[in-house]
PDB file of N, CA and C in Angstrom:
ATOM      1  N   MET A   1     -32.257   3.070-120.641  1.00  0.00           N
ATOM      2  CA  MET A   1     -31.324   3.483-121.668  1.00  0.00           C
ATOM      3  C   MET A   1     -30.058   2.623-121.561  1.00  0.00           C
ATOM      4  N   HIS A   2     -29.626   2.060-122.665  1.00  0.00           N
ATOM      5  CA  HIS A   2     -28.454   1.196-122.694  1.00  0.00           C
ATOM      6  C   HIS A   2     -27.174   2.009-122.803  1.00  0.00           C
ATOM      7  N   GLN A   3     -26.120   1.476-122.198  1.00  0.00           N
ATOM      8  CA  GLN A   3     -24.789   2.049-122.360  1.00  0.00           C
ATOM      9  C   GLN A   3     -23.968   1.100-123.215  1.00  0.00           C
ATOM     10  N   TYR A   4     -23.105   1.676-124.031  1.00  0.00           N
ATOM     11  CA  TYR A   4     -22.215   0.903-124.885  1.00  0.00           C
ATOM     12  C   TYR A   4     -20.801   1.384-124.621  1.00  0.00           C
ATOM     13  N   TYR A   5     -19.872   0.473-124.703  1.00  0.00           N
ATOM     14  CA  TYR A   5     -18.485   0.771-124.370  1.00  0.00           C
ATOM     15  C   TYR A   5     -17.575   0.427-125.544  1.00  0.00           C
ATOM     16  N   VAL A   6     -16.722   1.358-125.892  1.00  0.00           N
ATOM     17  CA  VAL A   6     -15.641   1.096-126.829  1.00  0.00           C
ATOM     18  C   VAL A   6     -14.414   0.925-125.944  1.00  0.00           C
ATOM     19  N   TYR A   7     -13.718  -0.191-126.095  1.00  0.00           N
ATOM     20  CA  TYR A   7     -12.627  -0.491-125.177  1.00  0.00           C
ATOM     21  C   TYR A   7     -11.358  -0.873-125.936  1.00  0.00           C
ATOM     22  N   ILE A   8     -10.238  -0.681-125.262  1.00  0.00           N
ATOM     23  CA  ILE A   8      -8.938  -1.083-125.795  1.00  0.00           C
ATOM     24  C   ILE A   8      -8.292  -1.999-124.767  1.00  0.00           C
ATOM     25  N   MET A   9      -7.836  -3.156-125.241  1.00  0.00           N
ATOM     26  CA  MET A   9      -7.143  -4.116-124.392  1.00  0.00           C
ATOM     27  C   MET A   9      -5.835  -4.511-125.072  1.00  0.00           C
ATOM     28  N   THR A  10      -4.973  -5.174-124.329  1.00  0.00           N
ATOM     29  CA  THR A  10      -3.710  -5.645-124.896  1.00  0.00           C
ATOM     30  C   THR A  10      -3.320  -6.978-124.273  1.00  0.00           C
ATOM     31  N   ASN A  11      -2.346  -7.644-124.902  1.00  0.00           N
ATOM     32  CA  ASN A  11      -1.784  -8.879-124.361  1.00  0.00           C
ATOM     33  C   ASN A  11      -0.315  -8.635-124.055  1.00  0.00           C
ATOM     34  N   LYS A  12       0.401  -9.641-123.575  1.00  0.00           N
ATOM     35  CA  LYS A  12       1.809  -9.462-123.190  1.00  0.00           C
ATOM     36  C   LYS A  12       2.689  -8.962-124.333  1.00  0.00           C
ATOM     37  N   PRO A  13       2.559  -9.455-125.555  1.00  0.00           N
ATOM     38  CA  PRO A  13       3.399  -8.905-126.625  1.00  0.00           C
ATOM     39  C   PRO A  13       3.039  -7.461-126.992  1.00  0.00           C
ATOM     40  N   GLY A  14       1.905  -6.971-126.517  1.00  0.00           N
ATOM     41  CA  GLY A  14       1.536  -5.581-126.781  1.00  0.00           C
ATOM     42  C   GLY A  14       0.620  -5.364-127.966  1.00  0.00           C
ATOM     43  N   THR A  15      -0.013  -6.428-128.439  1.00  0.00           N
ATOM     44  CA  THR A  15      -0.990  -6.284-129.515  1.00  0.00           C
ATOM     45  C   THR A  15      -2.215  -5.576-128.955  1.00  0.00           C
ATOM     46  N   LEU A  16      -2.666  -4.529-129.622  1.00  0.00           N
ATOM     47  CA  LEU A  16      -3.840  -3.788-129.164  1.00  0.00           C
ATOM     48  C   LEU A  16      -5.099  -4.370-129.785  1.00  0.00           C
ATOM     49  N   TYR A  17      -6.143  -4.476-128.981  1.00  0.00           N
ATOM     50  CA  TYR A  17      -7.441  -4.955-129.445  1.00  0.00           C
ATOM     51  C   TYR A  17      -8.474  -3.893-129.101  1.00  0.00           C
ATOM     52  N   ILE A  18      -9.296  -3.538-130.065  1.00  0.00           N
ATOM     53  CA  ILE A  18     -10.358  -2.554-129.858  1.00  0.00           C
ATOM     54  C   ILE A  18     -11.690  -3.230-130.148  1.00  0.00           C
ATOM     55  N   GLY A  19     -12.637  -3.057-129.251  1.00  0.00           N
ATOM     56  CA  GLY A  19     -13.940  -3.663-129.441  1.00  0.00           C
ATOM     57  C   GLY A  19     -15.044  -2.780-128.895  1.00  0.00           C
ATOM     58  N   VAL A  20     -16.272  -3.226-129.089  1.00  0.00           N
ATOM     59  CA  VAL A  20     -17.448  -2.515-128.574  1.00  0.00           C
ATOM     60  C   VAL A  20     -18.365  -3.546-127.919  1.00  0.00           C
ATOM     61  N   THR A  21     -18.995  -3.169-126.823  1.00  0.00           N
ATOM     62  CA  THR A  21     -19.880  -4.079-126.098  1.00  0.00           C
ATOM     63  C   THR A  21     -20.911  -3.285-125.305  1.00  0.00           C
ATOM     64  N   ASN A  22     -21.959  -3.959-124.878  1.00  0.00           N
ATOM     65  CA  ASN A  22     -22.934  -3.325-123.993  1.00  0.00           C
ATOM     66  C   ASN A  22     -22.746  -3.765-122.548  1.00  0.00           C
ATOM     67  N   ASN A  23     -21.775  -4.661-122.310  1.00  0.00           N
ATOM     68  CA  ASN A  23     -21.488  -5.126-120.955  1.00  0.00           C
ATOM     69  C   ASN A  23     -19.976  -5.300-120.831  1.00  0.00           C
ATOM     70  N   LEU A  24     -19.313  -4.268-120.367  1.00  0.00           N
ATOM     71  CA  LEU A  24     -17.858  -4.251-120.348  1.00  0.00           C
ATOM     72  C   LEU A  24     -17.280  -5.320-119.416  1.00  0.00           C
ATOM     73  N   ASN A  25     -17.849  -5.477-118.245  1.00  0.00           N
ATOM     74  CA  ASN A  25     -17.326  -6.466-117.306  1.00  0.00           C
ATOM     75  C   ASN A  25     -17.410  -7.878-117.896  1.00  0.00           C
ATOM     76  N   ARG A  26     -18.550  -8.214-118.494  1.00  0.00           N
ATOM     77  CA  ARG A  26     -18.713  -9.533-119.113  1.00  0.00           C
ATOM     78  C   ARG A  26     -17.715  -9.730-120.252  1.00  0.00           C
ATOM     79  N   ARG A  27     -17.544  -8.700-121.077  1.00  0.00           N
ATOM     80  CA  ARG A  27     -16.663  -8.814-122.238  1.00  0.00           C
ATOM     81  C   ARG A  27     -15.202  -8.986-121.814  1.00  0.00           C
ATOM     82  N   VAL A  28     -14.780  -8.250-120.793  1.00  0.00           N
ATOM     83  CA  VAL A  28     -13.415  -8.416-120.275  1.00  0.00           C
ATOM     84  C   VAL A  28     -13.242  -9.844-119.758  1.00  0.00           C
ATOM     85  N   TYR A  29     -14.229 -10.331-119.028  1.00  0.00           N
ATOM     86  CA  TYR A  29     -14.197 -11.706-118.523  1.00  0.00           C
ATOM     87  C   TYR A  29     -14.051 -12.699-119.682  1.00  0.00           C
ATOM     88  N   GLU A  30     -14.838 -12.514-120.731  1.00  0.00           N
ATOM     89  CA  GLU A  30     -14.776 -13.420-121.885  1.00  0.00           C
ATOM     90  C   GLU A  30     -13.389 -13.402-122.528  1.00  0.00           C
ATOM     91  N   HIS A  31     -12.796 -12.235-122.664  1.00  0.00           N
ATOM     92  CA  HIS A  31     -11.447 -12.143-123.227  1.00  0.00           C
ATOM     93  C   HIS A  31     -10.432 -12.836-122.320  1.00  0.00           C
ATOM     94  N   LYS A  32     -10.465 -12.513-121.043  1.00  0.00           N
ATOM     95  CA  LYS A  32      -9.448 -13.025-120.124  1.00  0.00           C
ATOM     96  C   LYS A  32      -9.559 -14.534-119.901  1.00  0.00           C
ATOM     97  N   GLU A  33     -10.743 -15.062-120.033  1.00  0.00           N
ATOM     98  CA  GLU A  33     -10.944 -16.500-119.841  1.00  0.00           C
ATOM     99  C   GLU A  33     -10.891 -17.276-121.165  1.00  0.00           C
ATOM    100  N   LYS A  34     -10.489 -16.608-122.234  1.00  0.00           N
ATOM    101  CA  LYS A  34     -10.325 -17.226-123.559  1.00  0.00           C
ATOM    102  C   LYS A  34     -11.632 -17.804-124.098  1.00  0.00           C
ATOM    103  N   LEU A  35     -12.738 -17.151-123.839  1.00  0.00           N
ATOM    104  CA  LEU A  35     -14.035 -17.636-124.290  1.00  0.00           C
ATOM    105  C   LEU A  35     -14.408 -17.119-125.671  1.00  0.00           C
ATOM    106  N   ILE A  36     -13.587 -16.222-126.225  1.00  0.00           N
ATOM    107  CA  ILE A  36     -13.896 -15.604-127.509  1.00  0.00           C
ATOM    108  C   ILE A  36     -12.977 -16.164-128.584  1.00  0.00           C
ATOM    109  N   ARG A  37     -13.576 -16.665-129.640  1.00  0.00           N
ATOM    110  CA  ARG A  37     -12.780 -17.148-130.774  1.00  0.00           C
ATOM    111  C   ARG A  37     -12.269 -15.959-131.566  1.00  0.00           C
ATOM    112  N   GLY A  38     -11.416 -16.222-132.514  1.00  0.00           N
ATOM    113  CA  GLY A  38     -10.922 -15.150-133.378  1.00  0.00           C
ATOM    114  C   GLY A  38      -9.676 -14.512-132.812  1.00  0.00           C
ATOM    115  N   PHE A  39      -9.736 -13.220-132.576  1.00  0.00           N
ATOM    116  CA  PHE A  39      -8.574 -12.461-132.137  1.00  0.00           C
ATOM    117  C   PHE A  39      -7.950 -13.052-130.874  1.00  0.00           C
ATOM    118  N   THR A  40      -8.770 -13.296-129.871  1.00  0.00           N
ATOM    119  CA  THR A  40      -8.252 -13.804-128.603  1.00  0.00           C
ATOM    120  C   THR A  40      -7.574 -15.161-128.795  1.00  0.00           C
ATOM    121  N   ALA A  41      -8.170 -16.023-129.562  1.00  0.00           N
ATOM    122  CA  ALA A  41      -7.577 -17.337-129.799  1.00  0.00           C
ATOM    123  C   ALA A  41      -6.266 -17.225-130.574  1.00  0.00           C
ATOM    124  N   ARG A  42      -6.200 -16.291-131.491  1.00  0.00           N
ATOM    125  CA  ARG A  42      -5.020 -16.123-132.328  1.00  0.00           C
ATOM    126  C   ARG A  42      -3.864 -15.455-131.590  1.00  0.00           C
ATOM    127  N   TYR A  43      -4.161 -14.480-130.745  1.00  0.00           N
ATOM    128  CA  TYR A  43      -3.125 -13.662-130.119  1.00  0.00           C
ATOM    129  C   TYR A  43      -2.985 -13.895-128.623  1.00  0.00           C
ATOM    130  N   ASN A  44      -3.474 -15.030-128.139  1.00  0.00           N
ATOM    131  CA  ASN A  44      -3.426 -15.355-126.712  1.00  0.00           C
ATOM    132  C   ASN A  44      -4.385 -14.463-125.939  1.00  0.00           C
ATOM    133  N   PRO A  45      -4.607 -14.795-124.688  1.00  0.00           N
ATOM    134  CA  PRO A  45      -5.622 -14.041-123.958  1.00  0.00           C
ATOM    135  C   PRO A  45      -5.253 -12.574-123.803  1.00  0.00           C
ATOM    136  N   ILE A  46      -6.241 -11.762-123.883  1.00  0.00           N
ATOM    137  CA  ILE A  46      -6.078 -10.345-123.632  1.00  0.00           C
ATOM    138  C   ILE A  46      -5.949 -10.190-122.127  1.00  0.00           C
ATOM    139  N   GLU A  47      -4.903  -9.522-121.684  1.00  0.00           N
ATOM    140  CA  GLU A  47      -4.628  -9.480-120.252  1.00  0.00           C
ATOM    141  C   GLU A  47      -4.916  -8.152-119.587  1.00  0.00           C
ATOM    142  N   THR A  48      -4.834  -7.074-120.315  1.00  0.00           N
ATOM    143  CA  THR A  48      -4.925  -5.770-119.685  1.00  0.00           C
ATOM    144  C   THR A  48      -5.964  -4.900-120.374  1.00  0.00           C
ATOM    145  N   SER A  49      -6.902  -4.392-119.589  1.00  0.00           N
ATOM    146  CA  SER A  49      -7.879  -3.439-120.088  1.00  0.00           C
ATOM    147  C   SER A  49      -7.296  -2.046-119.891  1.00  0.00           C
ATOM    148  N   LEU A  50      -7.099  -1.318-120.990  1.00  0.00           N
ATOM    149  CA  LEU A  50      -6.361  -0.060-120.934  1.00  0.00           C
ATOM    150  C   LEU A  50      -7.228   1.187-120.955  1.00  0.00           C
ATOM    151  N   ARG A  51      -8.342   1.125-121.628  1.00  0.00           N
ATOM    152  CA  ARG A  51      -9.140   2.341-121.813  1.00  0.00           C
ATOM    153  C   ARG A  51     -10.550   1.960-122.238  1.00  0.00           C
ATOM    154  N   ASP A  52     -11.528   2.750-121.811  1.00  0.00           N
ATOM    155  CA  ASP A  52     -12.874   2.565-122.337  1.00  0.00           C
ATOM    156  C   ASP A  52     -13.572   3.911-122.433  1.00  0.00           C
ATOM    157  N   GLU A  53     -14.499   3.977-123.349  1.00  0.00           N
ATOM    158  CA  GLU A  53     -15.324   5.162-123.563  1.00  0.00           C
ATOM    159  C   GLU A  53     -16.773   4.706-123.561  1.00  0.00           C
ATOM    160  N   THR A  54     -17.663   5.533-123.036  1.00  0.00           N
ATOM    161  CA  THR A  54     -19.076   5.193-122.921  1.00  0.00           C
ATOM    162  C   THR A  54     -19.916   6.007-123.891  1.00  0.00           C
ATOM    163  N   SER A  55     -20.932   5.354-124.447  1.00  0.00           N
ATOM    164  CA  SER A  55     -21.884   6.034-125.337  1.00  0.00           C
ATOM    165  C   SER A  55     -23.269   5.453-125.068  1.00  0.00           C
ATOM    166  N   TYR A  56     -24.291   6.259-125.293  1.00  0.00           N
ATOM    167  CA  TYR A  56     -25.663   5.771-125.178  1.00  0.00           C
ATOM    168  C   TYR A  56     -26.254   5.452-126.545  1.00  0.00           C
ATOM    169  N   ASP A  57     -25.456   5.578-127.578  1.00  0.00           N
ATOM    170  CA  ASP A  57     -25.896   5.350-128.948  1.00  0.00           C
ATOM    171  C   ASP A  57     -25.002   4.284-129.578  1.00  0.00           C
ATOM    172  N   ILE A  58     -25.563   3.127-129.863  1.00  0.00           N
ATOM    173  CA  ILE A  58     -24.772   2.023-130.413  1.00  0.00           C
ATOM    174  C   ILE A  58     -24.114   2.411-131.733  1.00  0.00           C
ATOM    175  N   ASN A  59     -24.814   3.188-132.546  1.00  0.00           N
ATOM    176  CA  ASN A  59     -24.233   3.590-133.826  1.00  0.00           C
ATOM    177  C   ASN A  59     -22.999   4.459-133.627  1.00  0.00           C
ATOM    178  N   GLN A  60     -23.053   5.371-132.670  1.00  0.00           N
ATOM    179  CA  GLN A  60     -21.892   6.216-132.379  1.00  0.00           C
ATOM    180  C   GLN A  60     -20.744   5.379-131.806  1.00  0.00           C
ATOM    181  N   ALA A  61     -21.071   4.395-130.992  1.00  0.00           N
ATOM    182  CA  ALA A  61     -20.036   3.519-130.434  1.00  0.00           C
ATOM    183  C   ALA A  61     -19.339   2.734-131.545  1.00  0.00           C
ATOM    184  N   ILE A  62     -20.105   2.239-132.486  1.00  0.00           N
ATOM    185  CA  ILE A  62     -19.528   1.484-133.608  1.00  0.00           C
ATOM    186  C   ILE A  62     -18.680   2.397-134.487  1.00  0.00           C
ATOM    187  N   ILE A  63     -19.147   3.605-134.715  1.00  0.00           N
ATOM    188  CA  ILE A  63     -18.362   4.569-135.497  1.00  0.00           C
ATOM    189  C   ILE A  63     -17.041   4.851-134.795  1.00  0.00           C
ATOM    190  N   ARG A  64     -17.089   5.044-133.477  1.00  0.00           N
ATOM    191  CA  ARG A  64     -15.857   5.320-132.718  1.00  0.00           C
ATOM    192  C   ARG A  64     -14.914   4.114-132.758  1.00  0.00           C
ATOM    193  N   GLU A  65     -15.449   2.920-132.613  1.00  0.00           N
ATOM    194  CA  GLU A  65     -14.621   1.704-132.685  1.00  0.00           C
ATOM    195  C   GLU A  65     -13.891   1.648-134.028  1.00  0.00           C
ATOM    196  N   LYS A  66     -14.604   1.862-135.110  1.00  0.00           N
ATOM    197  CA  LYS A  66     -13.995   1.827-136.447  1.00  0.00           C
ATOM    198  C   LYS A  66     -12.962   2.934-136.613  1.00  0.00           C
ATOM    199  N   GLN A  67     -13.266   4.106-136.058  1.00  0.00           N
ATOM    200  CA  GLN A  67     -12.315   5.216-136.130  1.00  0.00           C
ATOM    201  C   GLN A  67     -11.005   4.833-135.434  1.00  0.00           C
ATOM    202  N   LEU A  68     -11.101   4.316-134.210  1.00  0.00           N
ATOM    203  CA  LEU A  68      -9.904   3.932-133.460  1.00  0.00           C
ATOM    204  C   LEU A  68      -9.136   2.819-134.168  1.00  0.00           C
ATOM    205  N   LYS A  69      -9.841   1.863-134.723  1.00  0.00           N
ATOM    206  CA  LYS A  69      -9.175   0.770-135.438  1.00  0.00           C
ATOM    207  C   LYS A  69      -8.409   1.277-136.653  1.00  0.00           C
ATOM    208  N   GLY A  70      -8.861   2.384-137.216  1.00  0.00           N
ATOM    209  CA  GLY A  70      -8.207   2.952-138.384  1.00  0.00           C
ATOM    210  C   GLY A  70      -6.977   3.786-138.066  1.00  0.00           C
ATOM    211  N   TRP A  71      -6.786   4.094-136.801  1.00  0.00           N
ATOM    212  CA  TRP A  71      -5.645   4.911-136.403  1.00  0.00           C
ATOM    213  C   TRP A  71      -4.346   4.125-136.458  1.00  0.00           C
ATOM    214  N   LEU A  72      -3.257   4.828-136.648  1.00  0.00           N
ATOM    215  CA  LEU A  72      -1.933   4.216-136.526  1.00  0.00           C
ATOM    216  C   LEU A  72      -1.698   3.832-135.070  1.00  0.00           C
ATOM    217  N   ARG A  73      -0.880   2.824-134.863  1.00  0.00           N
ATOM    218  CA  ARG A  73      -0.574   2.352-133.514  1.00  0.00           C
ATOM    219  C   ARG A  73      -0.090   3.499-132.615  1.00  0.00           C
ATOM    220  N   LYS A  74       0.763   4.349-133.157  1.00  0.00           N
ATOM    221  CA  LYS A  74       1.324   5.461-132.377  1.00  0.00           C
ATOM    222  C   LYS A  74       0.209   6.347-131.816  1.00  0.00           C
ATOM    223  N   LYS A  75      -0.794   6.636-132.619  1.00  0.00           N
ATOM    224  CA  LYS A  75      -1.903   7.484-132.183  1.00  0.00           C
ATOM    225  C   LYS A  75      -2.742   6.778-131.116  1.00  0.00           C
ATOM    226  N   LYS A  76      -2.930   5.469-131.259  1.00  0.00           N
ATOM    227  CA  LYS A  76      -3.674   4.701-130.253  1.00  0.00           C
ATOM    228  C   LYS A  76      -2.939   4.737-128.921  1.00  0.00           C
ATOM    229  N   ILE A  77      -1.631   4.576-128.970  1.00  0.00           N
ATOM    230  CA  ILE A  77      -0.824   4.597-127.742  1.00  0.00           C
ATOM    231  C   ILE A  77      -0.898   5.975-127.086  1.00  0.00           C
ATOM    232  N   GLU A  78      -0.842   7.028-127.872  1.00  0.00           N
ATOM    233  CA  GLU A  78      -0.960   8.381-127.322  1.00  0.00           C
ATOM    234  C   GLU A  78      -2.309   8.560-126.624  1.00  0.00           C
ATOM    235  N   LEU A  79      -3.371   8.034-127.208  1.00  0.00           N
ATOM    236  CA  LEU A  79      -4.699   8.110-126.597  1.00  0.00           C
ATOM    237  C   LEU A  79      -4.714   7.372-125.258  1.00  0.00           C
ATOM    238  N   ILE A  80      -4.183   6.177-125.240  1.00  0.00           N
ATOM    239  CA  ILE A  80      -4.133   5.383-124.004  1.00  0.00           C
ATOM    240  C   ILE A  80      -3.346   6.138-122.937  1.00  0.00           C
ATOM    241  N   GLU A  81      -2.181   6.630-123.310  1.00  0.00           N
ATOM    242  CA  GLU A  81      -1.277   7.214-122.322  1.00  0.00           C
ATOM    243  C   GLU A  81      -1.741   8.568-121.798  1.00  0.00           C
ATOM    244  N   ARG A  82      -2.679   9.214-122.466  1.00  0.00           N
ATOM    245  CA  ARG A  82      -3.241  10.460-121.923  1.00  0.00           C
ATOM    246  C   ARG A  82      -3.992  10.210-120.626  1.00  0.00           C
ATOM    247  N   THR A  83      -4.679   9.082-120.539  1.00  0.00           N
ATOM    248  CA  THR A  83      -5.467   8.801-119.337  1.00  0.00           C
ATOM    249  C   THR A  83      -4.936   7.620-118.532  1.00  0.00           C
ATOM    250  N   ASN A  84      -4.045   6.835-119.102  1.00  0.00           N
ATOM    251  CA  ASN A  84      -3.517   5.653-118.430  1.00  0.00           C
ATOM    252  C   ASN A  84      -2.027   5.509-118.773  1.00  0.00           C
ATOM    253  N   PRO A  85      -1.191   6.465-118.311  1.00  0.00           N
ATOM    254  CA  PRO A  85       0.214   6.502-118.726  1.00  0.00           C
ATOM    255  C   PRO A  85       1.038   5.285-118.324  1.00  0.00           C
ATOM    256  N   TYR A  86       0.614   4.567-117.292  1.00  0.00           N
ATOM    257  CA  TYR A  86       1.380   3.395-116.835  1.00  0.00           C
ATOM    258  C   TYR A  86       0.782   2.079-117.324  1.00  0.00           C
ATOM    259  N   TRP A  87      -0.205   2.171-118.184  1.00  0.00           N
ATOM    260  CA  TRP A  87      -0.871   1.005-118.767  1.00  0.00           C
ATOM    261  C   TRP A  87      -1.387   0.069-117.657  1.00  0.00           C
ATOM    262  N   ARG A  88      -1.968   0.681-116.639  1.00  0.00           N
ATOM    263  CA  ARG A  88      -2.546  -0.077-115.534  1.00  0.00           C
ATOM    264  C   ARG A  88      -3.778  -0.826-116.030  1.00  0.00           C
ATOM    265  N   ASP A  89      -3.979  -2.030-115.547  1.00  0.00           N
ATOM    266  CA  ASP A  89      -5.150  -2.823-115.934  1.00  0.00           C
ATOM    267  C   ASP A  89      -6.380  -2.223-115.267  1.00  0.00           C
ATOM    268  N   LEU A  90      -7.227  -1.593-116.046  1.00  0.00           N
ATOM    269  CA  LEU A  90      -8.405  -0.926-115.506  1.00  0.00           C
ATOM    270  C   LEU A  90      -9.509  -1.889-115.089  1.00  0.00           C
ATOM    271  N   SER A  91      -9.376  -3.143-115.486  1.00  0.00           N
ATOM    272  CA  SER A  91     -10.422  -4.110-115.149  1.00  0.00           C
ATOM    273  C   SER A  91     -10.159  -4.821-113.822  1.00  0.00           C
ATOM    274  N   LYS A  92      -9.041  -4.563-113.185  1.00  0.00           N
ATOM    275  CA  LYS A  92      -8.698  -5.282-111.952  1.00  0.00           C
ATOM    276  C   LYS A  92      -9.795  -5.199-110.913  1.00  0.00           C
ATOM    277  N   ASP A  93     -10.446  -4.051-110.769  1.00  0.00           N
ATOM    278  CA  ASP A  93     -11.483  -3.885-109.763  1.00  0.00           C
ATOM    279  C   ASP A  93     -12.811  -4.503-110.172  1.00  0.00           C
ATOM    280  N   GLY A  94     -13.086  -4.523-111.488  1.00  0.00           N
ATOM    281  CA  GLY A  94     -14.392  -4.984-111.940  1.00  0.00           C
ATOM    282  C   GLY A  94     -14.435  -6.417-112.418  1.00  0.00           C
ATOM    283  N   TYR A  95     -13.320  -6.949-112.893  1.00  0.00           N
ATOM    284  CA  TYR A  95     -13.283  -8.285-113.463  1.00  0.00           C
ATOM    285  C   TYR A  95     -13.345  -9.335-112.372  1.00  0.00           C
ATOM    286  N   LYS A  96     -14.282 -10.248-112.487  1.00  0.00           N
ATOM    287  CA  LYS A  96     -14.420 -11.331-111.504  1.00  0.00           C
ATOM    288  C   LYS A  96     -14.358 -12.667-112.214  1.00  0.00           C
ATOM    289  N   LYS A  97     -13.588 -13.590-111.690  1.00  0.00           N
ATOM    290  CA  LYS A  97     -13.529 -14.951-112.246  1.00  0.00           C
ATOM    291  C   LYS A  97     -14.759 -15.713-111.871  1.00  0.00           C
TER     292      LYS A  97
END
């Protein structure tokens, strides 16, 4: 059974990025090493992994990703700060260069 992750990351200016993946460690690595075109290239490397949610259903993960992307910034920040009030980088233990 596959796991899917909806994640929120940020960069130094504080731009929030929300994505979905089936391999969170690999995806964080790709963001931090600037291997992803588009958002990462435009807004500099994503530096901090703030939050992730797990699902076993890709469709539900995609629905959740779209839901979070539709939220106002204030609501996204409230969600992050409920479980990560100091905006600690959650990928520090798992991310490997």
